[in-house]
Amino acid sequence: MNIEMLPLSLYRANSELMLRILNLSQDYRHRGLEIACRYHEDIIVKTRAELSRLSQQTAPEMSFSLPAEIFMQLTGASMSGALATGTPLIAAQTTLIQGLQEAVQDWQTAVGQRALPDS
């Protein structure tokens, strides 16, 4: 490789790294959005079921305890859902970090190969 091609070669290596990082970031955002949507759908279903159950069982003497009971049950559902969502999010983050590590290692290799003149 002649010396005039070196900047273009390094520019290409940098552009390839940037593209890989952007693709990894986009994939991570899509996974996170899917996880959040599933979590919210589960909460909506549980909330509707609980409200339906409570509307069928409401007795006058229970009316004072309902807001606190509903709040506690929805809070419990939210906490269990948050814990269940944590594992897929951690897996998605791990995939992102591993992809970034591989991208940087490949970039370092490419820059090293392109920076060394042919022997």
N, C-alpha and C. Protein backbone atom coordinates (compact mmCIF):
# COMPACT_ATOMS: atom_id res chain seq x y z
N MET A 1 0.86 -1.17 0.00
CA MET A 1 0.00 0.00 0.00
C MET A 1 0.90 1.23 0.00
N ASN A 2 0.61 2.16 -0.88
CA ASN A 2 1.44 3.36 -0.87
C ASN A 2 0.92 4.35 0.17
N ILE A 3 1.76 5.30 0.48
CA ILE A 3 1.48 6.23 1.58
C ILE A 3 0.26 7.11 1.31
N GLU A 4 -0.07 7.36 0.03
CA GLU A 4 -1.23 8.20 -0.29
C GLU A 4 -2.54 7.50 0.05
N MET A 5 -2.55 6.18 0.06
CA MET A 5 -3.77 5.41 0.32
C MET A 5 -4.03 5.24 1.82
N LEU A 6 -3.06 5.53 2.66
CA LEU A 6 -3.20 5.32 4.09
C LEU A 6 -4.37 6.09 4.70
N PRO A 7 -4.53 7.40 4.48
CA PRO A 7 -5.66 8.11 5.08
C PRO A 7 -7.02 7.54 4.63
N LEU A 8 -7.13 7.19 3.38
CA LEU A 8 -8.38 6.62 2.88
C LEU A 8 -8.64 5.27 3.52
N SER A 9 -7.62 4.49 3.69
CA SER A 9 -7.74 3.19 4.32
C SER A 9 -8.16 3.31 5.78
N LEU A 10 -7.57 4.25 6.50
CA LEU A 10 -7.95 4.47 7.89
C LEU A 10 -9.36 5.05 8.00
N TYR A 11 -9.71 5.91 7.09
CA TYR A 11 -11.07 6.46 7.06
C TYR A 11 -12.09 5.34 6.87
N ARG A 12 -11.76 4.41 6.00
CA ARG A 12 -12.66 3.28 5.77
C ARG A 12 -12.78 2.41 7.03
N ALA A 13 -11.70 2.15 7.71
CA ALA A 13 -11.73 1.37 8.95
C ALA A 13 -12.58 2.07 10.00
N ASN A 14 -12.43 3.39 10.11
CA ASN A 14 -13.23 4.15 11.07
C ASN A 14 -14.71 4.13 10.70
N SER A 15 -15.01 4.25 9.43
CA SER A 15 -16.40 4.22 8.97
C SER A 15 -17.03 2.85 9.22
N GLU A 16 -16.27 1.79 9.01
CA GLU A 16 -16.79 0.45 9.27
C GLU A 16 -17.07 0.26 10.76
N LEU A 17 -16.19 0.78 11.61
CA LEU A 17 -16.41 0.71 13.05
C LEU A 17 -17.68 1.47 13.44
N MET A 18 -17.83 2.67 12.92
CA MET A 18 -19.00 3.48 13.23
C MET A 18 -20.29 2.77 12.79
N LEU A 19 -20.28 2.15 11.63
CA LEU A 19 -21.44 1.43 11.14
C LEU A 19 -21.79 0.26 12.05
N ARG A 20 -20.79 -0.48 12.49
CA ARG A 20 -21.05 -1.61 13.41
C ARG A 20 -21.61 -1.12 14.73
N ILE A 21 -21.07 -0.03 15.25
CA ILE A 21 -21.57 0.51 16.52
C ILE A 21 -23.02 0.97 16.36
N LEU A 22 -23.33 1.64 15.27
CA LEU A 22 -24.71 2.09 15.04
C LEU A 22 -25.66 0.91 14.90
N ASN A 23 -25.24 -0.14 14.20
CA ASN A 23 -26.09 -1.33 14.06
C ASN A 23 -26.32 -2.01 15.41
N LEU A 24 -25.27 -2.13 16.22
CA LEU A 24 -25.41 -2.71 17.56
C LEU A 24 -26.34 -1.88 18.42
N SER A 25 -26.20 -0.58 18.36
CA SER A 25 -27.05 0.32 19.14
C SER A 25 -28.51 0.20 18.72
N GLN A 26 -28.74 0.14 17.43
CA GLN A 26 -30.11 0.02 16.93
C GLN A 26 -30.72 -1.32 17.35
N ASP A 27 -29.96 -2.38 17.28
CA ASP A 27 -30.45 -3.69 17.71
C ASP A 27 -30.78 -3.68 19.20
N TYR A 28 -29.93 -3.06 19.99
CA TYR A 28 -30.16 -2.97 21.43
C TYR A 28 -31.44 -2.18 21.73
N ARG A 29 -31.64 -1.08 21.04
CA ARG A 29 -32.86 -0.28 21.25
C ARG A 29 -34.10 -1.07 20.88
N HIS A 30 -34.05 -1.84 19.79
CA HIS A 30 -35.20 -2.65 19.39
C HIS A 30 -35.51 -3.71 20.45
N ARG A 31 -34.48 -4.36 20.96
CA ARG A 31 -34.70 -5.37 22.00
C ARG A 31 -35.28 -4.75 23.25
N GLY A 32 -34.75 -3.61 23.65
CA GLY A 32 -35.28 -2.92 24.83
C GLY A 32 -36.73 -2.51 24.67
N LEU A 33 -37.08 -2.04 23.48
CA LEU A 33 -38.46 -1.65 23.21
C LEU A 33 -39.39 -2.85 23.25
N GLU A 34 -38.96 -3.96 22.68
CA GLU A 34 -39.77 -5.19 22.73
C GLU A 34 -40.00 -5.64 24.17
N ILE A 35 -38.97 -5.59 24.98
CA ILE A 35 -39.08 -6.01 26.38
C ILE A 35 -40.03 -5.08 27.13
N ALA A 36 -39.90 -3.79 26.92
CA ALA A 36 -40.78 -2.82 27.59
C ALA A 36 -42.23 -3.01 27.16
N CYS A 37 -42.46 -3.25 25.88
CA CYS A 37 -43.83 -3.47 25.39
C CYS A 37 -44.45 -4.71 26.02
N ARG A 38 -43.69 -5.79 26.10
CA ARG A 38 -44.22 -7.01 26.73
C ARG A 38 -44.54 -6.75 28.20
N TYR A 39 -43.66 -6.03 28.88
CA TYR A 39 -43.87 -5.72 30.29
C TYR A 39 -45.16 -4.92 30.47
N HIS A 40 -45.35 -3.88 29.66
CA HIS A 40 -46.55 -3.05 29.79
C HIS A 40 -47.81 -3.81 29.41
N GLU A 41 -47.73 -4.66 28.41
CA GLU A 41 -48.89 -5.48 28.04
C GLU A 41 -49.28 -6.41 29.19
N ASP A 42 -48.30 -7.00 29.85
CA ASP A 42 -48.58 -7.87 31.00
C ASP A 42 -49.26 -7.09 32.12
N ILE A 43 -48.78 -5.90 32.41
CA ILE A 43 -49.35 -5.08 33.47
C ILE A 43 -50.79 -4.70 33.12
N ILE A 44 -51.04 -4.35 31.88
CA ILE A 44 -52.39 -3.98 31.46
C ILE A 44 -53.34 -5.16 31.63
N VAL A 45 -52.92 -6.34 31.20
CA VAL A 45 -53.77 -7.53 31.33
C VAL A 45 -54.04 -7.83 32.80
N LYS A 46 -53.01 -7.78 33.63
CA LYS A 46 -53.20 -8.06 35.06
C LYS A 46 -54.10 -7.02 35.72
N THR A 47 -53.94 -5.77 35.34
CA THR A 47 -54.76 -4.71 35.93
C THR A 47 -56.22 -4.87 35.53
N ARG A 48 -56.47 -5.15 34.27
CA ARG A 48 -57.85 -5.36 33.82
C ARG A 48 -58.49 -6.55 34.52
N ALA A 49 -57.73 -7.63 34.66
CA ALA A 49 -58.27 -8.81 35.33
C ALA A 49 -58.57 -8.51 36.79
N GLU A 50 -57.71 -7.77 37.44
CA GLU A 50 -57.92 -7.43 38.85
C GLU A 50 -59.13 -6.51 39.01
N LEU A 51 -59.25 -5.54 38.13
CA LEU A 51 -60.41 -4.64 38.20
C LEU A 51 -61.71 -5.39 37.94
N SER A 52 -61.67 -6.31 37.01
CA SER A 52 -62.86 -7.13 36.73
C SER A 52 -63.22 -7.97 37.95
N ARG A 53 -62.24 -8.59 38.56
CA ARG A 53 -62.48 -9.41 39.75
C ARG A 53 -63.03 -8.57 40.88
N LEU A 54 -62.47 -7.40 41.08
CA LEU A 54 -62.92 -6.54 42.17
C LEU A 54 -64.32 -5.99 41.92
N SER A 55 -64.64 -5.69 40.69
CA SER A 55 -65.98 -5.16 40.41
C SER A 55 -67.06 -6.21 40.65
N GLN A 56 -66.72 -7.48 40.55
CA GLN A 56 -67.68 -8.55 40.80
C GLN A 56 -67.79 -8.86 42.29
N GLN A 57 -66.79 -8.56 43.08
CA GLN A 57 -66.78 -8.94 44.49
C GLN A 57 -67.03 -7.79 45.44
N THR A 58 -67.27 -6.63 44.94
CA THR A 58 -67.37 -5.46 45.80
C THR A 58 -68.59 -5.54 46.70
N ALA A 59 -68.32 -5.48 47.97
CA ALA A 59 -69.38 -5.38 48.99
C ALA A 59 -69.22 -4.02 49.66
N PRO A 60 -70.29 -3.46 50.20
CA PRO A 60 -70.18 -2.12 50.80
C PRO A 60 -69.10 -2.01 51.87
N GLU A 61 -68.92 -3.04 52.69
CA GLU A 61 -67.91 -2.97 53.74
C GLU A 61 -66.49 -3.03 53.20
N MET A 62 -66.31 -3.52 51.95
CA MET A 62 -64.97 -3.60 51.35
C MET A 62 -64.57 -2.30 50.66
N SER A 63 -65.52 -1.41 50.44
CA SER A 63 -65.25 -0.23 49.62
C SER A 63 -64.15 0.67 50.19
N PHE A 64 -63.96 0.67 51.51
CA PHE A 64 -62.93 1.51 52.10
C PHE A 64 -61.53 0.93 51.89
N SER A 65 -61.42 -0.37 51.79
CA SER A 65 -60.10 -0.99 51.67
C SER A 65 -59.68 -1.20 50.21
N LEU A 66 -60.60 -1.02 49.27
CA LEU A 66 -60.28 -1.30 47.87
C LEU A 66 -59.13 -0.48 47.31
N PRO A 67 -59.10 0.84 47.48
CA PRO A 67 -57.98 1.59 46.89
C PRO A 67 -56.62 1.09 47.38
N ALA A 68 -56.50 0.83 48.66
CA ALA A 68 -55.22 0.35 49.19
C ALA A 68 -54.92 -1.05 48.66
N GLU A 69 -55.93 -1.91 48.59
CA GLU A 69 -55.74 -3.27 48.10
C GLU A 69 -55.33 -3.27 46.63
N ILE A 70 -56.01 -2.47 45.85
CA ILE A 70 -55.67 -2.38 44.42
C ILE A 70 -54.25 -1.86 44.26
N PHE A 71 -53.92 -0.82 45.01
CA PHE A 71 -52.59 -0.24 44.92
C PHE A 71 -51.52 -1.27 45.26
N MET A 72 -51.72 -2.01 46.32
CA MET A 72 -50.74 -3.01 46.75
C MET A 72 -50.60 -4.13 45.71
N GLN A 73 -51.71 -4.57 45.14
CA GLN A 73 -51.64 -5.64 44.14
C GLN A 73 -50.97 -5.16 42.86
N LEU A 74 -51.29 -3.94 42.44
CA LEU A 74 -50.65 -3.42 41.23
C LEU A 74 -49.17 -3.16 41.46
N THR A 75 -48.83 -2.71 42.66
CA THR A 75 -47.41 -2.51 42.98
C THR A 75 -46.67 -3.85 42.96
N GLY A 76 -47.30 -4.87 43.52
CA GLY A 76 -46.69 -6.21 43.50
C GLY A 76 -46.52 -6.71 42.09
N ALA A 77 -47.52 -6.49 41.24
CA ALA A 77 -47.43 -6.91 39.84
C ALA A 77 -46.33 -6.15 39.12
N SER A 78 -46.21 -4.86 39.44
CA SER A 78 -45.16 -4.06 38.80
C SER A 78 -43.78 -4.53 39.21
N MET A 79 -43.61 -4.85 40.49
CA MET A 79 -42.30 -5.30 40.97
C MET A 79 -41.92 -6.65 40.37
N SER A 80 -42.87 -7.58 40.33
CA SER A 80 -42.54 -8.88 39.75
C SER A 80 -42.27 -8.75 38.26
N GLY A 81 -43.01 -7.87 37.61
CA GLY A 81 -42.77 -7.64 36.19
C GLY A 81 -41.42 -7.00 35.94
N ALA A 82 -41.06 -6.08 36.81
CA ALA A 82 -39.75 -5.42 36.67
C ALA A 82 -38.62 -6.42 36.87
N LEU A 83 -38.80 -7.31 37.82
CA LEU A 83 -37.77 -8.33 38.03
C LEU A 83 -37.69 -9.28 36.84
N ALA A 84 -38.84 -9.63 36.29
CA ALA A 84 -38.86 -10.54 35.13
C ALA A 84 -38.28 -9.87 33.90
N THR A 85 -38.40 -8.55 33.82
CA THR A 85 -37.86 -7.83 32.66
C THR A 85 -36.37 -7.66 32.77
N GLY A 86 -35.84 -7.72 33.98
CA GLY A 86 -34.41 -7.49 34.19
C GLY A 86 -33.53 -8.48 33.47
N THR A 87 -33.89 -9.75 33.50
CA THR A 87 -33.05 -10.77 32.87
C THR A 87 -32.90 -10.55 31.36
N PRO A 88 -33.99 -10.33 30.61
CA PRO A 88 -33.79 -10.07 29.17
C PRO A 88 -33.02 -8.79 28.90
N LEU A 89 -33.20 -7.78 29.75
CA LEU A 89 -32.45 -6.54 29.55
C LEU A 89 -30.96 -6.75 29.79
N ILE A 90 -30.63 -7.53 30.80
CA ILE A 90 -29.22 -7.82 31.06
C ILE A 90 -28.63 -8.61 29.91
N ALA A 91 -29.39 -9.56 29.37
CA ALA A 91 -28.91 -10.33 28.21
C ALA A 91 -28.69 -9.41 27.01
N ALA A 92 -29.60 -8.47 26.80
CA ALA A 92 -29.45 -7.54 25.68
C ALA A 92 -28.23 -6.64 25.88
N GLN A 93 -28.01 -6.19 27.11
CA GLN A 93 -26.84 -5.36 27.40
C GLN A 93 -25.55 -6.15 27.21
N THR A 94 -25.56 -7.41 27.63
CA THR A 94 -24.38 -8.25 27.46
C THR A 94 -24.05 -8.44 25.99
N THR A 95 -25.08 -8.67 25.18
CA THR A 95 -24.89 -8.82 23.74
C THR A 95 -24.32 -7.54 23.14
N LEU A 96 -24.83 -6.40 23.58
CA LEU A 96 -24.33 -5.11 23.09
C LEU A 96 -22.86 -4.93 23.45
N ILE A 97 -22.50 -5.19 24.68
CA ILE A 97 -21.11 -5.00 25.13
C ILE A 97 -20.17 -5.95 24.39
N GLN A 98 -20.58 -7.21 24.24
CA GLN A 98 -19.74 -8.16 23.51
C GLN A 98 -19.56 -7.73 22.06
N GLY A 99 -20.63 -7.24 21.45
CA GLY A 99 -20.54 -6.76 20.07
C GLY A 99 -19.61 -5.56 19.96
N LEU A 100 -19.69 -4.65 20.94
CA LEU A 100 -18.80 -3.49 20.92
C LEU A 100 -17.34 -3.90 21.09
N GLN A 101 -17.10 -4.87 21.97
CA GLN A 101 -15.73 -5.35 22.17
C GLN A 101 -15.18 -5.96 20.88
N GLU A 102 -15.99 -6.78 20.22
CA GLU A 102 -15.55 -7.40 18.97
C GLU A 102 -15.32 -6.34 17.89
N ALA A 103 -16.20 -5.34 17.83
CA ALA A 103 -16.06 -4.29 16.82
C ALA A 103 -14.76 -3.51 17.03
N VAL A 104 -14.47 -3.18 18.27
CA VAL A 104 -13.23 -2.42 18.56
C VAL A 104 -12.00 -3.28 18.27
N GLN A 105 -12.04 -4.56 18.63
CA GLN A 105 -10.90 -5.44 18.34
C GLN A 105 -10.70 -5.58 16.83
N ASP A 106 -11.77 -5.75 16.08
CA ASP A 106 -11.66 -5.83 14.62
C ASP A 106 -11.12 -4.53 14.04
N TRP A 107 -11.57 -3.40 14.60
CA TRP A 107 -11.10 -2.10 14.14
C TRP A 107 -9.60 -1.95 14.42
N GLN A 108 -9.17 -2.36 15.61
CA GLN A 108 -7.75 -2.27 15.95
C GLN A 108 -6.92 -3.11 14.99
N THR A 109 -7.41 -4.30 14.68
CA THR A 109 -6.71 -5.17 13.75
C THR A 109 -6.65 -4.53 12.36
N ALA A 110 -7.78 -4.00 11.92
CA ALA A 110 -7.83 -3.38 10.59
C ALA A 110 -6.91 -2.17 10.50
N VAL A 111 -6.91 -1.35 11.53
CA VAL A 111 -6.04 -0.16 11.53
C VAL A 111 -4.58 -0.59 11.55
N GLY A 112 -4.27 -1.60 12.35
CA GLY A 112 -2.90 -2.08 12.40
C GLY A 112 -2.43 -2.63 11.06
N GLN A 113 -3.29 -3.38 10.39
CA GLN A 113 -2.93 -3.95 9.09
C GLN A 113 -2.81 -2.86 8.02
N ARG A 114 -3.68 -1.88 8.08
CA ARG A 114 -3.68 -0.84 7.06
C ARG A 114 -2.60 0.21 7.30
N ALA A 115 -2.17 0.34 8.54
CA ALA A 115 -1.15 1.33 8.85
C ALA A 115 0.25 0.85 8.54
N LEU A 116 0.43 -0.48 8.55
CA LEU A 116 1.75 -1.03 8.26
C LEU A 116 1.97 -1.08 6.76
N PRO A 117 3.05 -0.54 6.30
CA PRO A 117 3.34 -0.63 4.86
C PRO A 117 3.64 -2.09 4.49
N ASP A 118 3.30 -2.41 3.26
CA ASP A 118 3.58 -3.77 2.76
C ASP A 118 5.08 -4.03 2.79
N SER A 119 5.40 -5.22 3.26
CA SER A 119 6.83 -5.58 3.32
C SER A 119 7.18 -6.48 2.18
